[in-house]
PDB file of all heavy atoms in Angstrom:
ATOM      1  N   ASN A   1     -40.686 146.165-158.946  1.00  0.00           N
ATOM      2  CA  ASN A   1     -40.421 147.142-157.882  1.00  0.00           C
ATOM      3  C   ASN A   1     -39.834 146.475-156.639  1.00  0.00           C
ATOM      4  O   ASN A   1     -40.262 146.734-155.508  1.00  0.00           O
ATOM      5  CB  ASN A   1     -41.694 147.904-157.511  1.00  0.00           C
ATOM      6  CG  ASN A   1     -42.124 148.891-158.576  1.00  0.00           C
ATOM      7  OD1 ASN A   1     -41.509 149.006-159.626  1.00  0.00           O
ATOM      8  ND2 ASN A   1     -43.199 149.611-158.312  1.00  0.00           N
ATOM      9  N   THR A   2     -38.848 145.616-156.862  1.00  0.00           N
ATOM     10  CA  THR A   2     -38.216 144.920-155.754  1.00  0.00           C
ATOM     11  C   THR A   2     -36.696 145.012-155.839  1.00  0.00           C
ATOM     12  O   THR A   2     -36.123 145.127-156.923  1.00  0.00           O
ATOM     13  CB  THR A   2     -38.605 143.437-155.707  1.00  0.00           C
ATOM     14  OG1 THR A   2     -38.235 142.796-156.932  1.00  0.00           O
ATOM     15  CG2 THR A   2     -40.095 143.276-155.472  1.00  0.00           C
ATOM     16  N   VAL A   3     -36.075 144.959-154.683  1.00  0.00           N
ATOM     17  CA  VAL A   3     -34.632 144.846-154.578  1.00  0.00           C
ATOM     18  C   VAL A   3     -34.342 143.722-153.594  1.00  0.00           C
ATOM     19  O   VAL A   3     -35.055 143.563-152.599  1.00  0.00           O
ATOM     20  CB  VAL A   3     -33.975 146.173-154.137  1.00  0.00           C
ATOM     21  CG1 VAL A   3     -34.494 146.630-152.775  1.00  0.00           C
ATOM     22  CG2 VAL A   3     -32.454 146.052-154.124  1.00  0.00           C
ATOM     23  N   THR A   4     -33.323 142.920-153.895  1.00  0.00           N
ATOM     24  CA  THR A   4     -33.004 141.780-153.053  1.00  0.00           C
ATOM     25  C   THR A   4     -31.550 141.830-152.607  1.00  0.00           C
ATOM     26  O   THR A   4     -30.717 142.491-153.215  1.00  0.00           O
ATOM     27  CB  THR A   4     -33.250 140.452-153.781  1.00  0.00           C
ATOM     28  OG1 THR A   4     -32.366 140.341-154.903  1.00  0.00           O
ATOM     29  CG2 THR A   4     -34.691 140.365-154.268  1.00  0.00           C
ATOM     30  N   LEU A   5     -31.275 141.136-151.530  1.00  0.00           N
ATOM     31  CA  LEU A   5     -29.909 140.969-151.045  1.00  0.00           C
ATOM     32  C   LEU A   5     -29.704 139.493-150.748  1.00  0.00           C
ATOM     33  O   LEU A   5     -30.262 138.975-149.778  1.00  0.00           O
ATOM     34  CB  LEU A   5     -29.660 141.807-149.792  1.00  0.00           C
ATOM     35  CG  LEU A   5     -28.223 141.801-149.272  1.00  0.00           C
ATOM     36  CD1 LEU A   5     -27.298 142.536-150.252  1.00  0.00           C
ATOM     37  CD2 LEU A   5     -28.142 142.438-147.888  1.00  0.00           C
ATOM     38  N   GLN A   6     -28.938 138.827-151.597  1.00  0.00           N
ATOM     39  CA  GLN A   6     -28.579 137.438-151.380  1.00  0.00           C
ATOM     40  C   GLN A   6     -27.345 137.400-150.493  1.00  0.00           C
ATOM     41  O   GLN A   6     -26.305 137.959-150.846  1.00  0.00           O
ATOM     42  CB  GLN A   6     -28.302 136.741-152.710  1.00  0.00           C
ATOM     43  CG  GLN A   6     -27.884 135.282-152.580  1.00  0.00           C
ATOM     44  CD  GLN A   6     -28.986 134.407-152.039  1.00  0.00           C
ATOM     45  OE1 GLN A   6     -30.122 134.514-152.479  1.00  0.00           O
ATOM     46  NE2 GLN A   6     -28.651 133.545-151.082  1.00  0.00           N
ATOM     47  N   MET A   7     -27.450 136.752-149.350  1.00  0.00           N
ATOM     48  CA  MET A   7     -26.375 136.718-148.372  1.00  0.00           C
ATOM     49  C   MET A   7     -25.904 135.281-148.207  1.00  0.00           C
ATOM     50  O   MET A   7     -26.643 134.430-147.707  1.00  0.00           O
ATOM     51  CB  MET A   7     -26.833 137.281-147.031  1.00  0.00           C
ATOM     52  CG  MET A   7     -27.402 138.696-147.117  1.00  0.00           C
ATOM     53  SD  MET A   7     -27.792 139.395-145.496  1.00  0.00           S
ATOM     54  CE  MET A   7     -29.107 138.278-144.982  1.00  0.00           C
ATOM     55  N   ASN A   8     -24.682 135.013-148.628  1.00  0.00           N
ATOM     56  CA  ASN A   8     -24.077 133.696-148.513  1.00  0.00           C
ATOM     57  C   ASN A   8     -22.922 133.728-147.526  1.00  0.00           C
ATOM     58  O   ASN A   8     -22.403 134.786-147.188  1.00  0.00           O
ATOM     59  CB  ASN A   8     -23.575 133.215-149.874  1.00  0.00           C
ATOM     60  CG  ASN A   8     -24.674 133.064-150.896  1.00  0.00           C
ATOM     61  OD1 ASN A   8     -25.811 132.731-150.566  1.00  0.00           O
ATOM     62  ND2 ASN A   8     -24.324 133.298-152.165  1.00  0.00           N
ATOM     63  N   SER A   9     -22.515 132.548-147.091  1.00  0.00           N
ATOM     64  CA  SER A   9     -21.382 132.421-146.169  1.00  0.00           C
ATOM     65  C   SER A   9     -21.515 133.369-144.989  1.00  0.00           C
ATOM     66  O   SER A   9     -20.579 134.096-144.639  1.00  0.00           O
ATOM     67  CB  SER A   9     -20.064 132.669-146.914  1.00  0.00           C
ATOM     68  OG  SER A   9     -19.899 131.759-147.982  1.00  0.00           O
ATOM     69  N   LEU A  10     -22.670 133.347-144.372  1.00  0.00           N
ATOM     70  CA  LEU A  10     -22.952 134.277-143.284  1.00  0.00           C
ATOM     71  C   LEU A  10     -22.020 134.071-142.100  1.00  0.00           C
ATOM     72  O   LEU A  10     -21.610 132.946-141.793  1.00  0.00           O
ATOM     73  CB  LEU A  10     -24.398 134.131-142.838  1.00  0.00           C
ATOM     74  CG  LEU A  10     -25.428 134.760-143.781  1.00  0.00           C
ATOM     75  CD1 LEU A  10     -26.817 134.228-143.473  1.00  0.00           C
ATOM     76  CD2 LEU A  10     -25.396 136.283-143.647  1.00  0.00           C
ATOM     77  N   LYS A  11     -21.711 135.179-141.456  1.00  0.00           N
ATOM     78  CA  LYS A  11     -20.857 135.194-140.283  1.00  0.00           C
ATOM     79  C   LYS A  11     -21.616 135.807-139.112  1.00  0.00           C
ATOM     80  O   LYS A  11     -22.530 136.604-139.317  1.00  0.00           O
ATOM     81  CB  LYS A  11     -19.596 136.021-140.551  1.00  0.00           C
ATOM     82  CG  LYS A  11     -18.761 135.546-141.728  1.00  0.00           C
ATOM     83  CD  LYS A  11     -17.583 136.487-141.968  1.00  0.00           C
ATOM     84  CE  LYS A  11     -16.737 136.019-143.137  1.00  0.00           C
ATOM     85  NZ  LYS A  11     -15.594 136.939-143.386  1.00  0.00           N
ATOM     86  N   PRO A  12     -21.248 135.460-137.879  1.00  0.00           N
ATOM     87  CA  PRO A  12     -21.907 136.084-136.729  1.00  0.00           C
ATOM     88  C   PRO A  12     -21.852 137.611-136.774  1.00  0.00           C
ATOM     89  O   PRO A  12     -22.786 138.269-136.296  1.00  0.00           O
ATOM     90  CB  PRO A  12     -21.120 135.534-135.538  1.00  0.00           C
ATOM     91  CG  PRO A  12     -20.640 134.207-136.002  1.00  0.00           C
ATOM     92  CD  PRO A  12     -20.312 134.407-137.456  1.00  0.00           C
ATOM     93  N   GLU A  13     -20.808 138.169-137.355  1.00  0.00           N
ATOM     94  CA  GLU A  13     -20.668 139.611-137.472  1.00  0.00           C
ATOM     95  C   GLU A  13     -21.711 140.239-138.391  1.00  0.00           C
ATOM     96  O   GLU A  13     -21.866 141.462-138.399  1.00  0.00           O
ATOM     97  CB  GLU A  13     -19.270 139.980-137.991  1.00  0.00           C
ATOM     98  CG  GLU A  13     -18.133 139.423-137.152  1.00  0.00           C
ATOM     99  CD  GLU A  13     -17.658 138.076-137.658  1.00  0.00           C
ATOM    100  OE1 GLU A  13     -18.211 137.051-137.207  1.00  0.00           O
ATOM    101  OE2 GLU A  13     -16.737 138.045-138.498  1.00  0.00           O
ATOM    102  N   ASP A  14     -22.416 139.428-139.168  1.00  0.00           N
ATOM    103  CA  ASP A  14     -23.478 139.926-140.033  1.00  0.00           C
ATOM    104  C   ASP A  14     -24.787 140.141-139.278  1.00  0.00           C
ATOM    105  O   ASP A  14     -25.742 140.675-139.857  1.00  0.00           O
ATOM    106  CB  ASP A  14     -23.726 138.963-141.194  1.00  0.00           C
ATOM    107  CG  ASP A  14     -22.527 138.829-142.110  1.00  0.00           C
ATOM    108  OD1 ASP A  14     -21.874 139.851-142.396  1.00  0.00           O
ATOM    109  OD2 ASP A  14     -22.248 137.689-142.547  1.00  0.00           O
ATOM    110  N   THR A  15     -24.850 139.718-138.040  1.00  0.00           N
ATOM    111  CA  THR A  15     -26.064 139.884-137.249  1.00  0.00           C
ATOM    112  C   THR A  15     -26.416 141.354-137.110  1.00  0.00           C
ATOM    113  O   THR A  15     -25.609 142.162-136.655  1.00  0.00           O
ATOM    114  CB  THR A  15     -25.886 139.255-135.860  1.00  0.00           C
ATOM    115  OG1 THR A  15     -25.715 137.842-135.990  1.00  0.00           O
ATOM    116  CG2 THR A  15     -27.106 139.524-134.984  1.00  0.00           C
ATOM    117  N   ALA A  16     -27.628 141.706-137.516  1.00  0.00           N
ATOM    118  CA  ALA A  16     -28.065 143.099-137.499  1.00  0.00           C
ATOM    119  C   ALA A  16     -29.508 143.177-137.977  1.00  0.00           C
ATOM    120  O   ALA A  16     -30.059 142.213-138.507  1.00  0.00           O
ATOM    121  CB  ALA A  16     -27.181 143.957-138.413  1.00  0.00           C
ATOM    122  N   VAL A  17     -30.099 144.345-137.794  1.00  0.00           N
ATOM    123  CA  VAL A  17     -31.340 144.669-138.474  1.00  0.00           C
ATOM    124  C   VAL A  17     -30.974 145.246-139.832  1.00  0.00           C
ATOM    125  O   VAL A  17     -30.170 146.183-139.911  1.00  0.00           O
ATOM    126  CB  VAL A  17     -32.200 145.666-137.681  1.00  0.00           C
ATOM    127  CG1 VAL A  17     -33.446 146.049-138.471  1.00  0.00           C
ATOM    128  CG2 VAL A  17     -32.589 145.069-136.338  1.00  0.00           C
ATOM    129  N   TYR A  18     -31.541 144.694-140.877  1.00  0.00           N
ATOM    130  CA  TYR A  18     -31.254 145.124-142.238  1.00  0.00           C
ATOM    131  C   TYR A  18     -32.394 145.986-142.756  1.00  0.00           C
ATOM    132  O   TYR A  18     -33.565 145.608-142.660  1.00  0.00           O
ATOM    133  CB  TYR A  18     -31.041 143.914-143.150  1.00  0.00           C
ATOM    134  CG  TYR A  18     -29.695 143.263-142.957  1.00  0.00           C
ATOM    135  CD1 TYR A  18     -29.416 142.531-141.805  1.00  0.00           C
ATOM    136  CD2 TYR A  18     -28.689 143.388-143.913  1.00  0.00           C
ATOM    137  CE1 TYR A  18     -28.170 141.956-141.606  1.00  0.00           C
ATOM    138  CE2 TYR A  18     -27.451 142.806-143.729  1.00  0.00           C
ATOM    139  CZ  TYR A  18     -27.195 142.091-142.572  1.00  0.00           C
ATOM    140  OH  TYR A  18     -25.958 141.520-142.390  1.00  0.00           O
ATOM    141  N   TYR A  19     -32.044 147.145-143.325  1.00  0.00           N
ATOM    142  CA  TYR A  19     -33.020 148.120-143.782  1.00  0.00           C
ATOM    143  C   TYR A  19     -32.919 148.355-145.279  1.00  0.00           C
ATOM    144  O   TYR A  19     -31.821 148.520-145.821  1.00  0.00           O
ATOM    145  CB  TYR A  19     -32.803 149.466-143.099  1.00  0.00           C
ATOM    146  CG  TYR A  19     -32.981 149.447-141.600  1.00  0.00           C
ATOM    147  CD1 TYR A  19     -31.906 149.191-140.760  1.00  0.00           C
ATOM    148  CD2 TYR A  19     -34.224 149.704-141.039  1.00  0.00           C
ATOM    149  CE1 TYR A  19     -32.068 149.183-139.386  1.00  0.00           C
ATOM    150  CE2 TYR A  19     -34.388 149.698-139.667  1.00  0.00           C
ATOM    151  CZ  TYR A  19     -33.308 149.439-138.844  1.00  0.00           C
ATOM    152  OH  TYR A  19     -33.471 149.440-137.482  1.00  0.00           O
ATOM    153  N   CYS A  20     -34.047 148.403-145.925  1.00  0.00           N
ATOM    154  CA  CYS A  20     -34.136 148.799-147.317  1.00  0.00           C
ATOM    155  C   CYS A  20     -34.195 150.320-147.405  1.00  0.00           C
ATOM    156  O   CYS A  20     -34.839 150.972-146.579  1.00  0.00           O
ATOM    157  CB  CYS A  20     -35.395 148.176-147.932  1.00  0.00           C
ATOM    158  SG  CYS A  20     -35.615 148.474-149.696  1.00  0.00           S
ATOM    159  N   TYR A  21     -33.537 150.885-148.409  1.00  0.00           N
ATOM    160  CA  TYR A  21     -33.436 152.336-148.556  1.00  0.00           C
ATOM    161  C   TYR A  21     -33.571 152.727-150.021  1.00  0.00           C
ATOM    162  O   TYR A  21     -32.978 152.080-150.888  1.00  0.00           O
ATOM    163  CB  TYR A  21     -32.092 152.807-148.008  1.00  0.00           C
ATOM    164  CG  TYR A  21     -31.801 154.277-148.166  1.00  0.00           C
ATOM    165  CD1 TYR A  21     -32.464 155.223-147.412  1.00  0.00           C
ATOM    166  CD2 TYR A  21     -30.825 154.707-149.066  1.00  0.00           C
ATOM    167  CE1 TYR A  21     -32.179 156.569-147.540  1.00  0.00           C
ATOM    168  CE2 TYR A  21     -30.533 156.053-149.196  1.00  0.00           C
ATOM    169  CZ  TYR A  21     -31.208 156.984-148.429  1.00  0.00           C
ATOM    170  OH  TYR A  21     -30.914 158.316-148.555  1.00  0.00           O
ATOM    171  N   ALA A  22     -34.338 153.767-150.280  1.00  0.00           N
ATOM    172  CA  ALA A  22     -34.525 154.292-151.627  1.00  0.00           C
ATOM    173  C   ALA A  22     -34.169 155.771-151.644  1.00  0.00           C
ATOM    174  O   ALA A  22     -34.598 156.524-150.769  1.00  0.00           O
ATOM    175  CB  ALA A  22     -35.968 154.095-152.080  1.00  0.00           C
ATOM    176  N   ASP A  23     -33.394 156.189-152.649  1.00  0.00           N
ATOM    177  CA  ASP A  23     -32.905 157.569-152.723  1.00  0.00           C
ATOM    178  C   ASP A  23     -33.034 158.097-154.144  1.00  0.00           C
ATOM    179  O   ASP A  23     -32.444 157.540-155.066  1.00  0.00           O
ATOM    180  CB  ASP A  23     -31.453 157.631-152.262  1.00  0.00           C
ATOM    181  CG  ASP A  23     -30.935 159.045-152.063  1.00  0.00           C
ATOM    182  OD1 ASP A  23     -31.665 160.014-152.356  1.00  0.00           O
ATOM    183  OD2 ASP A  23     -29.796 159.185-151.587  1.00  0.00           O
ATOM    184  N   ARG A  24     -33.779 159.176-154.314  1.00  0.00           N
ATOM    185  CA  ARG A  24     -33.909 159.825-155.613  1.00  0.00           C
ATOM    186  C   ARG A  24     -32.607 160.480-156.058  1.00  0.00           C
ATOM    187  O   ARG A  24     -32.373 160.656-157.249  1.00  0.00           O
ATOM    188  CB  ARG A  24     -35.047 160.851-155.552  1.00  0.00           C
ATOM    189  CG  ARG A  24     -35.273 161.656-156.817  1.00  0.00           C
ATOM    190  CD  ARG A  24     -35.885 160.833-157.937  1.00  0.00           C
ATOM    191  NE  ARG A  24     -35.949 161.623-159.159  1.00  0.00           N
ATOM    192  CZ  ARG A  24     -36.996 162.362-159.523  1.00  0.00           C
ATOM    193  NH1 ARG A  24     -38.091 162.379-158.775  1.00  0.00           N
ATOM    194  NH2 ARG A  24     -36.950 163.059-160.651  1.00  0.00           N
ATOM    195  N   ARG A  25     -31.773 160.855-155.124  1.00  0.00           N
ATOM    196  CA  ARG A  25     -30.438 161.429-155.329  1.00  0.00           C
ATOM    197  C   ARG A  25     -30.452 162.855-155.864  1.00  0.00           C
ATOM    198  O   ARG A  25     -29.782 163.730-155.309  1.00  0.00           O
ATOM    199  CB  ARG A  25     -29.584 160.542-156.243  1.00  0.00           C
ATOM    200  CG  ARG A  25     -29.370 159.131-155.710  1.00  0.00           C
ATOM    201  CD  ARG A  25     -28.494 159.133-154.482  1.00  0.00           C
ATOM    202  NE  ARG A  25     -27.077 159.170-154.834  1.00  0.00           N
ATOM    203  CZ  ARG A  25     -26.090 159.301-153.959  1.00  0.00           C
ATOM    204  NH1 ARG A  25     -26.361 159.434-152.678  1.00  0.00           N
ATOM    205  NH2 ARG A  25     -24.836 159.309-154.371  1.00  0.00           N
ATOM    206  N   ASP A  26     -31.161 163.117-156.949  1.00  0.00           N
ATOM    207  CA  ASP A  26     -31.163 164.443-157.564  1.00  0.00           C
ATOM    208  C   ASP A  26     -32.161 165.401-156.925  1.00  0.00           C
ATOM    209  O   ASP A  26     -32.221 166.565-157.316  1.00  0.00           O
ATOM    210  CB  ASP A  26     -31.409 164.343-159.065  1.00  0.00           C
ATOM    211  CG  ASP A  26     -32.721 163.685-159.413  1.00  0.00           C
ATOM    212  OD1 ASP A  26     -33.233 162.890-158.601  1.00  0.00           O
ATOM    213  OD2 ASP A  26     -33.242 163.954-160.512  1.00  0.00           O
ATOM    214  N   ILE A  27     -32.931 164.926-155.971  1.00  0.00           N
ATOM    215  CA  ILE A  27     -33.848 165.779-155.227  1.00  0.00           C
ATOM    216  C   ILE A  27     -33.562 165.614-153.739  1.00  0.00           C
ATOM    217  O   ILE A  27     -33.695 164.517-153.193  1.00  0.00           O
ATOM    218  CB  ILE A  27     -35.324 165.451-155.525  1.00  0.00           C
ATOM    219  CG1 ILE A  27     -35.607 165.645-157.014  1.00  0.00           C
ATOM    220  CG2 ILE A  27     -36.244 166.314-154.677  1.00  0.00           C
ATOM    221  CD1 ILE A  27     -37.030 165.320-157.415  1.00  0.00           C
ATOM    222  N   VAL A  28     -33.164 166.696-153.102  1.00  0.00           N
ATOM    223  CA  VAL A  28     -32.779 166.643-151.696  1.00  0.00           C
ATOM    224  C   VAL A  28     -33.964 166.211-150.833  1.00  0.00           C
ATOM    225  O   VAL A  28     -35.088 166.681-151.018  1.00  0.00           O
ATOM    226  CB  VAL A  28     -32.250 168.005-151.225  1.00  0.00           C
ATOM    227  CG1 VAL A  28     -31.950 167.993-149.736  1.00  0.00           C
ATOM    228  CG2 VAL A  28     -30.998 168.372-152.011  1.00  0.00           C
ATOM    229  N   ASP A  29     -33.695 165.318-149.905  1.00  0.00           N
ATOM    230  CA  ASP A  29     -34.656 164.827-148.926  1.00  0.00           C
ATOM    231  C   ASP A  29     -35.724 163.917-149.503  1.00  0.00           C
ATOM    232  O   ASP A  29     -36.667 163.546-148.788  1.00  0.00           O
ATOM    233  CB  ASP A  29     -35.327 165.974-148.166  1.00  0.00           C
ATOM    234  CG  ASP A  29     -34.369 166.717-147.263  1.00  0.00           C
ATOM    235  OD1 ASP A  29     -33.407 166.094-146.774  1.00  0.00           O
ATOM    236  OD2 ASP A  29     -34.586 167.923-147.049  1.00  0.00           O
ATOM    237  N   MET A  30     -35.577 163.523-150.748  1.00  0.00           N
ATOM    238  CA  MET A  30     -36.503 162.552-151.300  1.00  0.00           C
ATOM    239  C   MET A  30     -35.874 161.159-151.168  1.00  0.00           C
ATOM    240  O   MET A  30     -35.330 160.601-152.121  1.00  0.00           O
ATOM    241  CB  MET A  30     -36.857 162.863-152.747  1.00  0.00           C
ATOM    242  CG  MET A  30     -38.007 162.025-153.279  1.00  0.00           C
ATOM    243  SD  MET A  30     -38.672 162.628-154.862  1.00  0.00           S
ATOM    244  CE  MET A  30     -39.582 164.068-154.300  1.00  0.00           C
ATOM    245  N   ASP A  31     -35.941 160.635-149.945  1.00  0.00           N
ATOM    246  CA  ASP A  31     -35.411 159.316-149.650  1.00  0.00           C
ATOM    247  C   ASP A  31     -36.291 158.645-148.603  1.00  0.00           C
ATOM    248  O   ASP A  31     -36.953 159.308-147.804  1.00  0.00           O
ATOM    249  CB  ASP A  31     -33.947 159.363-149.197  1.00  0.00           C
ATOM    250  CG  ASP A  31     -33.686 160.364-148.096  1.00  0.00           C
ATOM    251  OD1 ASP A  31     -34.647 160.920-147.525  1.00  0.00           O
ATOM    252  OD2 ASP A  31     -32.511 160.593-147.789  1.00  0.00           O
ATOM    253  N   TYR A  32     -36.263 157.319-148.599  1.00  0.00           N
ATOM    254  CA  TYR A  32     -37.215 156.562-147.789  1.00  0.00           C
ATOM    255  C   TYR A  32     -36.553 155.329-147.187  1.00  0.00           C
ATOM    256  O   TYR A  32     -35.643 154.735-147.773  1.00  0.00           O
ATOM    257  CB  TYR A  32     -38.412 156.137-148.643  1.00  0.00           C
ATOM    258  CG  TYR A  32     -39.062 157.286-149.364  1.00  0.00           C
ATOM    259  CD1 TYR A  32     -38.729 157.569-150.683  1.00  0.00           C
ATOM    260  CD2 TYR A  32     -39.984 158.101-148.720  1.00  0.00           C
ATOM    261  CE1 TYR A  32     -39.309 158.638-151.346  1.00  0.00           C
ATOM    262  CE2 TYR A  32     -40.560 159.173-149.378  1.00  0.00           C
ATOM    263  CZ  TYR A  32     -40.221 159.439-150.689  1.00  0.00           C
ATOM    264  OH  TYR A  32     -40.793 160.505-151.340  1.00  0.00           O
ATOM    265  N   TRP A  33     -37.040 154.948-146.012  1.00  0.00           N
ATOM    266  CA  TRP A  33     -36.535 153.791-145.280  1.00  0.00           C
ATOM    267  C   TRP A  33     -37.643 152.787-145.018  1.00  0.00           C
ATOM    268  O   TRP A  33     -38.791 153.156-144.731  1.00  0.00           O
ATOM    269  CB  TRP A  33     -35.968 154.209-143.924  1.00  0.00           C
ATOM    270  CG  TRP A  33     -34.716 155.017-143.991  1.00  0.00           C
ATOM    271  CD1 TRP A  33     -34.618 156.375-144.007  1.00  0.00           C
ATOM    272  CD2 TRP A  33     -33.374 154.522-144.038  1.00  0.00           C
ATOM    273  NE1 TRP A  33     -33.302 156.757-144.057  1.00  0.00           N
ATOM    274  CE2 TRP A  33     -32.521 155.640-144.079  1.00  0.00           C
ATOM    275  CE3 TRP A  33     -32.818 153.238-144.044  1.00  0.00           C
ATOM    276  CZ2 TRP A  33     -31.130 155.519-144.121  1.00  0.00           C
ATOM    277  CZ3 TRP A  33     -31.448 153.115-144.096  1.00  0.00           C
ATOM    278  CH2 TRP A  33     -30.615 154.233-144.127  1.00  0.00           C
ATOM    279  N   GLY A  34     -37.283 151.506-145.070  1.00  0.00           N
ATOM    280  CA  GLY A  34     -38.163 150.473-144.580  1.00  0.00           C
ATOM    281  C   GLY A  34     -38.038 150.339-143.077  1.00  0.00           C
ATOM    282  O   GLY A  34     -37.207 150.990-142.437  1.00  0.00           O
TER     283      GLY A  34
END
């Protein structure tokens, strides 16, 4: 039950808060944020 993001060759433009998101897609409003 994990998802990862491997980030290589980072640039200053990548600076941000990164959020995990889950979406059921077939059911409206069934989505979640970290």
